[in-house]
C-alpha atoms as a PDB file:
ATOM      1  CA  MET A   1     -63.968 -15.139  92.801  1.00  0.00           C
ATOM      2  CA  ASN A   2     -65.788 -16.817  89.906  1.00  0.00           C
ATOM      3  CA  ALA A   3     -65.005 -13.871  87.634  1.00  0.00           C
ATOM      4  CA  SER A   4     -61.276 -14.097  88.421  1.00  0.00           C
ATOM      5  CA  VAL A   5     -61.321 -17.855  87.748  1.00  0.00           C
ATOM      6  CA  SER A   6     -63.074 -17.246  84.428  1.00  0.00           C
ATOM      7  CA  ILE A   7     -60.525 -14.592  83.426  1.00  0.00           C
ATOM      8  CA  ALA A   8     -57.662 -16.872  84.432  1.00  0.00           C
ATOM      9  CA  SER A   9     -59.088 -19.734  82.352  1.00  0.00           C
ATOM     10  CA  GLU A  10     -59.518 -17.437  79.345  1.00  0.00           C
ATOM     11  CA  ASN A  11     -55.928 -16.234  79.687  1.00  0.00           C
ATOM     12  CA  SER A  12     -54.762 -19.833  79.971  1.00  0.00           C
ATOM     13  CA  GLY A  13     -56.669 -20.736  76.813  1.00  0.00           C
ATOM     14  CA  ALA A  14     -55.139 -17.788  74.968  1.00  0.00           C
ATOM     15  CA  MET A  15     -51.648 -18.805  76.122  1.00  0.00           C
ATOM     16  CA  ASN A  16     -52.251 -22.379  74.997  1.00  0.00           C
ATOM     17  CA  SER A  17     -53.379 -21.243  71.543  1.00  0.00           C
ATOM     18  CA  THR A  18     -50.315 -18.992  71.304  1.00  0.00           C
ATOM     19  CA  GLN A  19     -48.025 -21.841  72.266  1.00  0.00           C
ATOM     20  CA  VAL A  20     -49.665 -24.100  69.682  1.00  0.00           C
ATOM     21  CA  ALA A  21     -49.181 -21.428  66.994  1.00  0.00           C
ATOM     22  CA  LYS A  22     -45.503 -21.008  67.969  1.00  0.00           C
ATOM     23  CA  HIS A  23     -45.004 -24.778  67.917  1.00  0.00           C
ATOM     24  CA  GLN A  24     -46.571 -25.048  64.455  1.00  0.00           C
ATOM     25  CA  SER A  25     -44.427 -22.146  63.182  1.00  0.00           C
ATOM     26  CA  ALA A  26     -41.225 -23.740  64.543  1.00  0.00           C
ATOM     27  CA  ARG A  27     -42.232 -27.078  63.029  1.00  0.00           C
ATOM     28  CA  ALA A  28     -42.827 -25.430  59.650  1.00  0.00           C
ATOM     29  CA  ARG A  29     -39.381 -23.812  59.820  1.00  0.00           C
ATOM     30  CA  ARG A  30     -37.706 -27.129  60.609  1.00  0.00           C
ATOM     31  CA  LEU A  31     -39.652 -28.712  57.777  1.00  0.00           C
ATOM     32  CA  ARG A  32     -38.446 -26.112  55.273  1.00  0.00           C
ATOM     33  CA  ILE A  33     -34.839 -26.439  56.458  1.00  0.00           C
ATOM     34  CA  LEU A  34     -34.939 -30.231  56.217  1.00  0.00           C
ATOM     35  CA  SER A  35     -36.429 -30.117  52.729  1.00  0.00           C
ATOM     36  CA  LEU A  36     -33.908 -27.520  51.524  1.00  0.00           C
ATOM     37  CA  LEU A  37     -31.039 -29.631  52.866  1.00  0.00           C
ATOM     38  CA  LEU A  38     -32.401 -32.668  51.042  1.00  0.00           C
ATOM     39  CA  VAL A  39     -32.759 -30.717  47.814  1.00  0.00           C
ATOM     40  CA  THR A  40     -29.220 -29.318  48.150  1.00  0.00           C
ATOM     41  CA  LEU A  41     -27.814 -32.790  48.774  1.00  0.00           C
ATOM     42  CA  THR A  42     -29.657 -34.236  45.782  1.00  0.00           C
ATOM     43  CA  GLY A  43     -28.562 -31.377  43.540  1.00  0.00           C
ATOM     44  CA  GLY A  44     -24.941 -31.800  44.675  1.00  0.00           C
ATOM     45  CA  VAL A  45     -24.984 -35.522  43.957  1.00  0.00           C
ATOM     46  CA  MET A  46     -26.495 -34.881  40.537  1.00  0.00           C
ATOM     47  CA  TYR A  47     -23.794 -32.308  39.745  1.00  0.00           C
ATOM     48  CA  LEU A  48     -20.962 -34.616  40.898  1.00  0.00           C
ATOM     49  CA  VAL A  49     -22.299 -37.506  38.822  1.00  0.00           C
ATOM     50  CA  SER A  50     -22.511 -35.255  35.772  1.00  0.00           C
ATOM     51  CA  GLN A  51     -18.957 -33.950  36.267  1.00  0.00           C
ATOM     52  CA  SER A  52     -17.665 -37.478  36.773  1.00  0.00           C
ATOM     53  CA  ALA A  53     -19.215 -38.561  33.493  1.00  0.00           C
ATOM     54  CA  ASP A  54     -17.558 -35.658  31.667  1.00  0.00           C
ATOM     55  CA  ALA A  55     -14.187 -36.328  33.268  1.00  0.00           C
ATOM     56  CA  SER A  56     -14.231 -39.984  32.240  1.00  0.00           C
ATOM     57  CA  LEU A  57     -15.413 -39.185  28.696  1.00  0.00           C
ATOM     58  CA  GLY A  58     -18.689 -40.891  29.435  1.00  0.00           C
ATOM     59  CA  ASN A  59     -22.129 -39.981  28.188  1.00  0.00           C
ATOM     60  CA  GLU A  60     -23.449 -37.045  30.223  1.00  0.00           C
ATOM     61  CA  ARG A  61     -27.007 -37.823  29.148  1.00  0.00           C
ATOM     62  CA  PHE A  62     -26.777 -41.144  30.963  1.00  0.00           C
ATOM     63  CA  ALA A  63     -25.506 -39.428  34.127  1.00  0.00           C
ATOM     64  CA  THR A  64     -28.320 -36.871  34.196  1.00  0.00           C
ATOM     65  CA  GLY A  65     -30.763 -39.618  33.219  1.00  0.00           C
ATOM     66  CA  TYR A  66     -29.760 -41.651  36.267  1.00  0.00           C
ATOM     67  CA  ALA A  67     -30.281 -38.595  38.460  1.00  0.00           C
ATOM     68  CA  LEU A  68     -33.678 -37.874  36.894  1.00  0.00           C
ATOM     69  CA  ALA A  69     -34.798 -41.491  37.320  1.00  0.00           C
ATOM     70  CA  THR A  70     -33.720 -41.461  40.978  1.00  0.00           C
ATOM     71  CA  VAL A  71     -35.669 -38.292  41.691  1.00  0.00           C
ATOM     72  CA  CYS A  72     -38.765 -39.688  39.928  1.00  0.00           C
ATOM     73  CA  VAL A  73     -38.643 -42.809  42.093  1.00  0.00           C
ATOM     74  CA  LEU A  74     -38.392 -40.646  45.215  1.00  0.00           C
ATOM     75  CA  LEU A  75     -41.338 -38.554  44.022  1.00  0.00           C
ATOM     76  CA  ALA A  76     -43.419 -41.705  43.539  1.00  0.00           C
ATOM     77  CA  LEU A  77     -42.975 -42.615  47.206  1.00  0.00           C
ATOM     78  CA  LEU A  78     -45.446 -39.937  48.410  1.00  0.00           C
ATOM     79  CA  PRO A  79     -48.591 -41.564  46.895  1.00  0.00           C
ATOM     80  CA  LEU A  80     -47.474 -44.882  48.384  1.00  0.00           C
ATOM     81  CA  ARG A  81     -46.950 -43.248  51.787  1.00  0.00           C
ATOM     82  CA  LYS A  82     -50.473 -41.774  51.725  1.00  0.00           C
ATOM     83  CA  LYS A  83     -51.946 -45.249  51.232  1.00  0.00           C
ATOM     84  CA  MET A  84     -49.983 -46.632  54.207  1.00  0.00           C
ATOM     85  CA  VAL A  85     -52.139 -44.887  56.805  1.00  0.00           C
ATOM     86  CA  ARG A  86     -51.206 -47.077  59.752  1.00  0.00           C
ATOM     87  CA  ALA A  87     -47.481 -47.214  59.042  1.00  0.00           C
ATOM     88  CA  ASN A  88     -45.268 -45.153  61.339  1.00  0.00           C
ATOM     89  CA  LEU A  89     -43.133 -43.579  58.601  1.00  0.00           C
ATOM     90  CA  GLY A  90     -43.139 -39.959  59.681  1.00  0.00           C
ATOM     91  CA  SER A  91     -45.497 -37.042  59.204  1.00  0.00           C
ATOM     92  CA  ILE A  92     -47.362 -36.706  55.920  1.00  0.00           C
ATOM     93  CA  ALA A  93     -46.527 -32.983  56.032  1.00  0.00           C
ATOM     94  CA  ILE A  94     -42.800 -33.774  55.900  1.00  0.00           C
ATOM     95  CA  TRP A  95     -43.337 -36.152  53.001  1.00  0.00           C
ATOM     96  CA  GLN A  96     -45.462 -33.562  51.216  1.00  0.00           C
ATOM     97  CA  ALA A  97     -42.888 -30.775  51.603  1.00  0.00           C
ATOM     98  CA  THR A  98     -40.067 -33.101  50.517  1.00  0.00           C
ATOM     99  CA  HIS A  99     -42.122 -34.104  47.478  1.00  0.00           C
ATOM    100  CA  GLN A 100     -42.607 -30.444  46.516  1.00  0.00           C
ATOM    101  CA  TYR A 101     -38.930 -29.563  46.788  1.00  0.00           C
ATOM    102  CA  LEU A 102     -37.871 -32.724  44.961  1.00  0.00           C
ATOM    103  CA  GLY A 103     -40.286 -31.683  42.214  1.00  0.00           C
ATOM    104  CA  CYS A 104     -38.166 -28.567  41.730  1.00  0.00           C
ATOM    105  CA  VAL A 105     -35.040 -30.746  41.579  1.00  0.00           C
ATOM    106  CA  CYS A 106     -36.798 -32.950  39.019  1.00  0.00           C
ATOM    107  CA  LEU A 107     -37.505 -29.896  36.877  1.00  0.00           C
ATOM    108  CA  LEU A 108     -33.798 -29.007  36.950  1.00  0.00           C
ATOM    109  CA  ALA A 109     -32.718 -32.577  36.203  1.00  0.00           C
ATOM    110  CA  TYR A 110     -35.107 -32.816  33.265  1.00  0.00           C
ATOM    111  CA  GLY A 111     -33.800 -29.549  31.830  1.00  0.00           C
ATOM    112  CA  LEU A 112     -30.206 -30.828  32.062  1.00  0.00           C
ATOM    113  CA  HIS A 113     -31.097 -34.201  30.606  1.00  0.00           C
ATOM    114  CA  ALA A 114     -33.535 -33.470  27.772  1.00  0.00           C
ATOM    115  CA  GLY A 115     -33.537 -29.714  27.240  1.00  0.00           C
ATOM    116  CA  PHE A 116     -36.548 -28.155  25.544  1.00  0.00           C
ATOM    117  CA  LEU A 117     -36.317 -29.685  22.042  1.00  0.00           C
ATOM    118  CA  VAL A 118     -36.886 -33.436  21.752  1.00  0.00           C
ATOM    119  CA  ASN A 119     -37.074 -35.918  18.879  1.00  0.00           C
ATOM    120  CA  GLY A 120     -38.779 -39.284  18.640  1.00  0.00           C
ATOM    121  CA  TRP A 121     -42.298 -40.276  19.602  1.00  0.00           C
ATOM    122  CA  ILE A 122     -41.363 -41.703  23.032  1.00  0.00           C
ATOM    123  CA  GLU A 123     -39.354 -38.585  23.878  1.00  0.00           C
ATOM    124  CA  ILE A 124     -42.249 -36.369  22.766  1.00  0.00           C
ATOM    125  CA  TRP A 125     -44.683 -38.336  24.934  1.00  0.00           C
ATOM    126  CA  LEU A 126     -42.212 -38.077  27.812  1.00  0.00           C
ATOM    127  CA  ALA A 127     -41.942 -34.325  27.374  1.00  0.00           C
ATOM    128  CA  VAL A 128     -45.693 -33.794  27.115  1.00  0.00           C
ATOM    129  CA  THR A 129     -46.358 -35.992  30.157  1.00  0.00           C
ATOM    130  CA  PHE A 130     -43.605 -34.292  32.142  1.00  0.00           C
ATOM    131  CA  TRP A 131     -44.923 -30.775  31.545  1.00  0.00           C
ATOM    132  CA  PHE A 132     -48.445 -31.910  32.406  1.00  0.00           C
ATOM    133  CA  ILE A 133     -47.018 -33.317  35.652  1.00  0.00           C
ATOM    134  CA  VAL A 134     -45.341 -29.997  36.395  1.00  0.00           C
ATOM    135  CA  ALA A 135     -48.556 -28.070  35.718  1.00  0.00           C
ATOM    136  CA  SER A 136     -50.691 -30.441  37.801  1.00  0.00           C
ATOM    137  CA  GLY A 137     -48.082 -30.368  40.584  1.00  0.00           C
ATOM    138  CA  PHE A 138     -48.120 -26.591  40.853  1.00  0.00           C
ATOM    139  CA  PHE A 139     -51.917 -26.576  40.670  1.00  0.00           C
ATOM    140  CA  SER A 140     -52.103 -29.245  43.380  1.00  0.00           C
ATOM    141  CA  TRP A 141     -49.768 -27.172  45.563  1.00  0.00           C
ATOM    142  CA  TYR A 142     -51.993 -24.117  45.059  1.00  0.00           C
ATOM    143  CA  ILE A 143     -55.156 -26.118  45.830  1.00  0.00           C
ATOM    144  CA  ASN A 144     -53.644 -27.589  48.999  1.00  0.00           C
ATOM    145  CA  ARG A 145     -52.572 -24.137  50.164  1.00  0.00           C
ATOM    146  CA  THR A 146     -55.901 -22.404  49.583  1.00  0.00           C
ATOM    147  CA  SER A 147     -58.462 -25.138  50.289  1.00  0.00           C
ATOM    148  CA  PRO A 148     -58.246 -25.068  54.122  1.00  0.00           C
ATOM    149  CA  LYS A 149     -58.959 -21.327  54.131  1.00  0.00           C
ATOM    150  CA  LEU A 150     -61.922 -21.778  51.793  1.00  0.00           C
ATOM    151  CA  ILE A 151     -63.358 -24.592  53.928  1.00  0.00           C
ATOM    152  CA  ARG A 152     -62.987 -22.515  57.107  1.00  0.00           C
ATOM    153  CA  ALA A 153     -64.728 -19.606  55.385  1.00  0.00           C
ATOM    154  CA  ALA A 154     -67.670 -21.917  54.621  1.00  0.00           C
ATOM    155  CA  GLY A 155     -68.342 -22.461  58.330  1.00  0.00           C
ATOM    156  CA  MET A 156     -67.884 -25.466  60.565  1.00  0.00           C
ATOM    157  CA  HIS A 157     -65.823 -28.150  58.838  1.00  0.00           C
ATOM    158  CA  VAL A 158     -67.656 -31.413  58.094  1.00  0.00           C
ATOM    159  CA  LEU A 159     -65.745 -34.635  57.512  1.00  0.00           C
ATOM    160  CA  ARG A 160     -66.023 -36.033  53.996  1.00  0.00           C
ATOM    161  CA  GLU A 161     -67.679 -39.256  55.157  1.00  0.00           C
ATOM    162  CA  ASP A 162     -70.324 -37.241  57.072  1.00  0.00           C
ATOM    163  CA  LEU A 163     -71.316 -35.024  54.142  1.00  0.00           C
ATOM    164  CA  PRO A 164     -74.007 -37.342  52.620  1.00  0.00           C
ATOM    165  CA  LYS A 165     -75.693 -37.762  56.006  1.00  0.00           C
ATOM    166  CA  LYS A 166     -75.664 -33.996  56.607  1.00  0.00           C
ATOM    167  CA  LYS A 167     -77.167 -33.362  53.174  1.00  0.00           C
ATOM    168  CA  ARG A 168     -79.981 -35.849  53.826  1.00  0.00           C
ATOM    169  CA  GLU A 169     -80.776 -34.212  57.156  1.00  0.00           C
ATOM    170  CA  LEU A 170     -81.032 -30.761  55.556  1.00  0.00           C
ATOM    171  CA  ALA A 171     -83.199 -32.112  52.721  1.00  0.00           C
ATOM    172  CA  GLU A 172     -85.570 -33.794  55.188  1.00  0.00           C
ATOM    173  CA  GLN A 173     -85.902 -30.635  57.270  1.00  0.00           C
ATOM    174  CA  ALA A 174     -86.652 -28.538  54.173  1.00  0.00           C
ATOM    175  CA  TYR A 175     -89.235 -31.075  52.977  1.00  0.00           C
ATOM    176  CA  ARG A 176     -91.005 -31.082  56.341  1.00  0.00           C
ATOM    177  CA  LEU A 177     -91.155 -27.283  56.366  1.00  0.00           C
ATOM    178  CA  ALA A 178     -92.552 -27.194  52.815  1.00  0.00           C
ATOM    179  CA  LEU A 179     -95.115 -29.851  53.726  1.00  0.00           C
ATOM    180  CA  SER A 180     -96.160 -27.846  56.761  1.00  0.00           C
ATOM    181  CA  ALA A 181     -96.384 -24.650  54.686  1.00  0.00           C
ATOM    182  CA  ALA A 182     -98.612 -26.338  52.078  1.00  0.00           C
ATOM    183  CA  GLY A 183    -101.389 -26.844  54.643  1.00  0.00           C
ATOM    184  CA  ARG A 184    -101.665 -23.132  55.525  1.00  0.00           C
ATOM    185  CA  ASN A 185    -103.084 -20.396  53.371  1.00  0.00           C
ATOM    186  CA  GLU A 186    -100.652 -17.744  54.539  1.00  0.00           C
ATOM    187  CA  SER A 187     -97.592 -19.830  53.658  1.00  0.00           C
ATOM    188  CA  ALA A 188     -98.743 -21.954  50.695  1.00  0.00           C
ATOM    189  CA  VAL A 189     -96.467 -19.998  48.328  1.00  0.00           C
ATOM    190  CA  LEU A 190     -93.484 -21.435  50.189  1.00  0.00           C
ATOM    191  CA  ALA A 191     -94.585 -24.946  49.217  1.00  0.00           C
ATOM    192  CA  ASP A 192     -94.880 -23.864  45.576  1.00  0.00           C
ATOM    193  CA  PHE A 193     -91.430 -22.262  45.697  1.00  0.00           C
ATOM    194  CA  TYR A 194     -89.979 -25.424  47.218  1.00  0.00           C
ATOM    195  CA  ARG A 195     -91.524 -27.598  44.496  1.00  0.00           C
ATOM    196  CA  LEU A 196     -90.292 -25.377  41.661  1.00  0.00           C
ATOM    197  CA  HIS A 197     -86.841 -24.362  42.873  1.00  0.00           C
ATOM    198  CA  LEU A 198     -85.694 -26.197  45.992  1.00  0.00           C
ATOM    199  CA  THR A 199     -86.522 -29.862  45.319  1.00  0.00           C
ATOM    200  CA  SER A 200     -83.626 -30.263  42.903  1.00  0.00           C
ATOM    201  CA  PHE A 201     -81.373 -28.054  45.030  1.00  0.00           C
ATOM    202  CA  PHE A 202     -81.738 -30.266  48.097  1.00  0.00           C
ATOM    203  CA  ASN A 203     -81.996 -33.672  46.423  1.00  0.00           C
ATOM    204  CA  ARG A 204     -79.743 -33.606  43.364  1.00  0.00           C
ATOM    205  CA  PRO A 205     -75.971 -33.235  42.959  1.00  0.00           C
ATOM    206  CA  ARG A 206     -74.733 -29.790  42.025  1.00  0.00           C
ATOM    207  CA  SER A 207     -73.647 -29.058  38.473  1.00  0.00           C
ATOM    208  CA  LEU A 208     -70.167 -29.866  37.153  1.00  0.00           C
ATOM    209  CA  ARG A 209     -69.560 -26.145  36.843  1.00  0.00           C
ATOM    210  CA  PHE A 210     -70.192 -25.717  40.559  1.00  0.00           C
ATOM    211  CA  GLN A 211     -67.993 -28.719  41.349  1.00  0.00           C
ATOM    212  CA  ALA A 212     -65.115 -27.143  39.425  1.00  0.00           C
ATOM    213  CA  PHE A 213     -65.693 -23.514  40.427  1.00  0.00           C
ATOM    214  CA  PRO A 214     -67.954 -23.401  43.524  1.00  0.00           C
ATOM    215  CA  THR A 215     -69.626 -20.066  44.201  1.00  0.00           C
ATOM    216  CA  ALA A 216     -72.523 -18.834  46.340  1.00  0.00           C
ATOM    217  CA  SER A 217     -74.435 -17.306  43.399  1.00  0.00           C
ATOM    218  CA  LYS A 218     -77.122 -20.041  43.379  1.00  0.00           C
ATOM    219  CA  CYS A 219     -77.644 -19.681  47.124  1.00  0.00           C
ATOM    220  CA  ARG A 220     -77.989 -15.900  46.897  1.00  0.00           C
ATOM    221  CA  SER A 221     -80.470 -16.258  44.035  1.00  0.00           C
ATOM    222  CA  LEU A 222     -82.649 -18.720  45.964  1.00  0.00           C
ATOM    223  CA  ILE A 223     -82.634 -16.636  49.148  1.00  0.00           C
ATOM    224  CA  ALA A 224     -83.516 -13.523  47.130  1.00  0.00           C
ATOM    225  CA  GLY A 225     -86.440 -15.452  45.598  1.00  0.00           C
ATOM    226  CA  LEU A 226     -87.638 -16.453  49.078  1.00  0.00           C
ATOM    227  CA  GLU A 227     -87.468 -12.857  50.271  1.00  0.00           C
ATOM    228  CA  GLU A 228     -89.639 -11.749  47.351  1.00  0.00           C
ATOM    229  CA  LEU A 229     -92.435 -13.910  48.771  1.00  0.00           C
ATOM    230  CA  ASP A 230     -92.730 -11.740  51.889  1.00  0.00           C
ATOM    231  CA  ARG A 231     -95.721  -9.811  50.533  1.00  0.00           C
ATOM    232  CA  TYR A 232     -97.693 -13.068  50.422  1.00  0.00           C
ATOM    233  CA  LEU A 233     -96.673 -14.278  53.885  1.00  0.00           C
ATOM    234  CA  GLY A 234     -97.949 -13.608  57.368  1.00  0.00           C
ATOM    235  CA  ASN A 235     -95.773 -13.506  60.462  1.00  0.00           C
ATOM    236  CA  GLU A 236     -95.712 -17.269  60.813  1.00  0.00           C
ATOM    237  CA  GLY A 237     -95.007 -17.687  57.103  1.00  0.00           C
ATOM    238  CA  LYS A 238     -92.084 -15.259  57.322  1.00  0.00           C
ATOM    239  CA  SER A 239     -90.683 -17.270  60.205  1.00  0.00           C
ATOM    240  CA  MET A 240     -90.899 -20.431  58.094  1.00  0.00           C
ATOM    241  CA  ARG A 241     -89.308 -18.573  55.196  1.00  0.00           C
ATOM    242  CA  ASP A 242     -86.367 -17.597  57.428  1.00  0.00           C
ATOM    243  CA  GLU A 243     -85.925 -21.224  58.460  1.00  0.00           C
ATOM    244  CA  ILE A 244     -85.978 -22.421  54.846  1.00  0.00           C
ATOM    245  CA  ALA A 245     -83.460 -19.722  53.897  1.00  0.00           C
ATOM    246  CA  ARG A 246     -81.210 -20.918  56.722  1.00  0.00           C
ATOM    247  CA  LEU A 247     -81.397 -24.472  55.370  1.00  0.00           C
ATOM    248  CA  VAL A 248     -80.597 -23.256  51.849  1.00  0.00           C
ATOM    249  CA  ASP A 249     -77.523 -21.450  53.159  1.00  0.00           C
ATOM    250  CA  ALA A 250     -76.426 -24.509  55.180  1.00  0.00           C
ATOM    251  CA  LYS A 251     -76.877 -26.808  52.167  1.00  0.00           C
ATOM    252  CA  ASP A 252     -74.877 -24.455  49.958  1.00  0.00           C
ATOM    253  CA  ARG A 253     -72.033 -24.374  52.503  1.00  0.00           C
ATOM    254  CA  ILE A 254     -72.021 -28.167  52.680  1.00  0.00           C
ATOM    255  CA  ASP A 255     -71.950 -28.378  48.869  1.00  0.00           C
ATOM    256  CA  PHE A 256     -69.105 -25.848  48.810  1.00  0.00           C
ATOM    257  CA  GLN A 257     -67.026 -27.904  51.242  1.00  0.00           C
ATOM    258  CA  HIS A 258     -67.778 -31.071  49.278  1.00  0.00           C
ATOM    259  CA  ALA A 259     -66.698 -29.446  46.000  1.00  0.00           C
ATOM    260  CA  ILE A 260     -63.431 -28.224  47.532  1.00  0.00           C
ATOM    261  CA  GLN A 261     -62.649 -31.656  49.007  1.00  0.00           C
ATOM    262  CA  VAL A 262     -63.440 -33.414  45.723  1.00  0.00           C
ATOM    263  CA  ARG A 263     -61.272 -30.944  43.819  1.00  0.00           C
ATOM    264  CA  VAL A 264     -58.320 -31.648  46.113  1.00  0.00           C
ATOM    265  CA  ARG A 265     -58.685 -35.419  45.625  1.00  0.00           C
ATOM    266  CA  VAL A 266     -59.182 -35.197  41.840  1.00  0.00           C
ATOM    267  CA  VAL A 267     -56.121 -32.993  41.326  1.00  0.00           C
ATOM    268  CA  ALA A 268     -53.980 -35.220  43.576  1.00  0.00           C
ATOM    269  CA  SER A 269     -55.180 -38.370  41.760  1.00  0.00           C
ATOM    270  CA  LEU A 270     -54.513 -36.810  38.353  1.00  0.00           C
ATOM    271  CA  HIS A 271     -51.014 -35.833  39.457  1.00  0.00           C
ATOM    272  CA  SER A 272     -50.317 -39.372  40.728  1.00  0.00           C
ATOM    273  CA  VAL A 273     -51.626 -40.981  37.521  1.00  0.00           C
ATOM    274  CA  LEU A 274     -49.470 -38.699  35.368  1.00  0.00           C
ATOM    275  CA  LEU A 275     -46.423 -39.457  37.511  1.00  0.00           C
ATOM    276  CA  SER A 276     -47.038 -43.206  37.188  1.00  0.00           C
ATOM    277  CA  SER A 277     -47.412 -42.855  33.411  1.00  0.00           C
ATOM    278  CA  PHE A 278     -44.196 -40.865  33.251  1.00  0.00           C
ATOM    279  CA  ILE A 279     -42.304 -43.565  35.153  1.00  0.00           C
ATOM    280  CA  LEU A 280     -43.580 -46.256  32.751  1.00  0.00           C
ATOM    281  CA  LEU A 281     -42.500 -44.159  29.769  1.00  0.00           C
ATOM    282  CA  CYS A 282     -39.130 -43.636  31.462  1.00  0.00           C
ATOM    283  CA  ILE A 283     -38.683 -47.406  31.706  1.00  0.00           C
ATOM    284  CA  ALA A 284     -39.337 -47.739  27.962  1.00  0.00           C
ATOM    285  CA  HIS A 285     -36.988 -44.826  27.288  1.00  0.00           C
ATOM    286  CA  VAL A 286     -34.192 -46.382  29.396  1.00  0.00           C
ATOM    287  CA  TYR A 287     -34.595 -49.721  27.633  1.00  0.00           C
ATOM    288  CA  LEU A 288     -34.336 -48.126  24.191  1.00  0.00           C
ATOM    289  CA  ALA A 289     -31.395 -45.972  25.295  1.00  0.00           C
ATOM    290  CA  PHE A 290     -29.423 -49.033  26.407  1.00  0.00           C
ATOM    291  CA  ARG A 291     -30.611 -51.060  23.435  1.00  0.00           C
ATOM    292  CA  PHE A 292     -29.411 -48.624  20.771  1.00  0.00           C
ATOM    293  CA  SER A 293     -26.577 -46.807  22.505  1.00  0.00           C
ATOM    294  CA  SER A 294     -22.907 -47.711  22.185  1.00  0.00           C
ATOM    295  CA  HIS A 295     -22.166 -46.586  25.791  1.00  0.00           C
END
């Protein structure tokens, strides 16, 4: 009876997970369709405005400039939406997808408006800033797509605000083990190894290189060094060595997650700053265009 209940509960759990996966897949499809419709509508409006300017012998650069400015304003709404955490303005995922597709529209609008050869120092700054925005946008998209998989591969996910506390706990446990090993002849080498190699690992921030490109090479090197101490350790010392190695691995996984989370935030912040700078330069560009144009 108990076995059948257990099997039924497992099947129910599997069905629930399948339903959740189907729901997420359907939601992603609706999200893509909605974003594509928005992009199509924006592109159509931009084309009609451009054609209208040609038909009325107007300045086509002004028409495409209006379209580009509109898209830039829409793109700037995503950073504002992320800061309005408590506002009921729709899912962040929808805003994010819309932002990505509008970025493609912005690329098209910029090509129609400015082309690839520009003159004047403001136009050059606009072009340089724009292409940096494009590069940072694609990189941010790539980071957002791959980071969840990397964090899951590092083990149980830890919230960003809990990372410092978790690091302190691991450092305290390693220190207590090293202190205990120092008082025993058969495990004293562990205390020496901790003092020479693990004090900085547990108590100092990782290098900038690790923050930018996190790898497990340091962790593997430290664990290999601990394993080389086996010939000096008794059974109890080897048990302590295994526990220290486990803490080293846990600390490295926490550092890996922290580096990935920081990278996501830094790239997103850089992209937002570049977009804000581009909008300010656009304002100066629009002012000069109206100031010195006959249209």
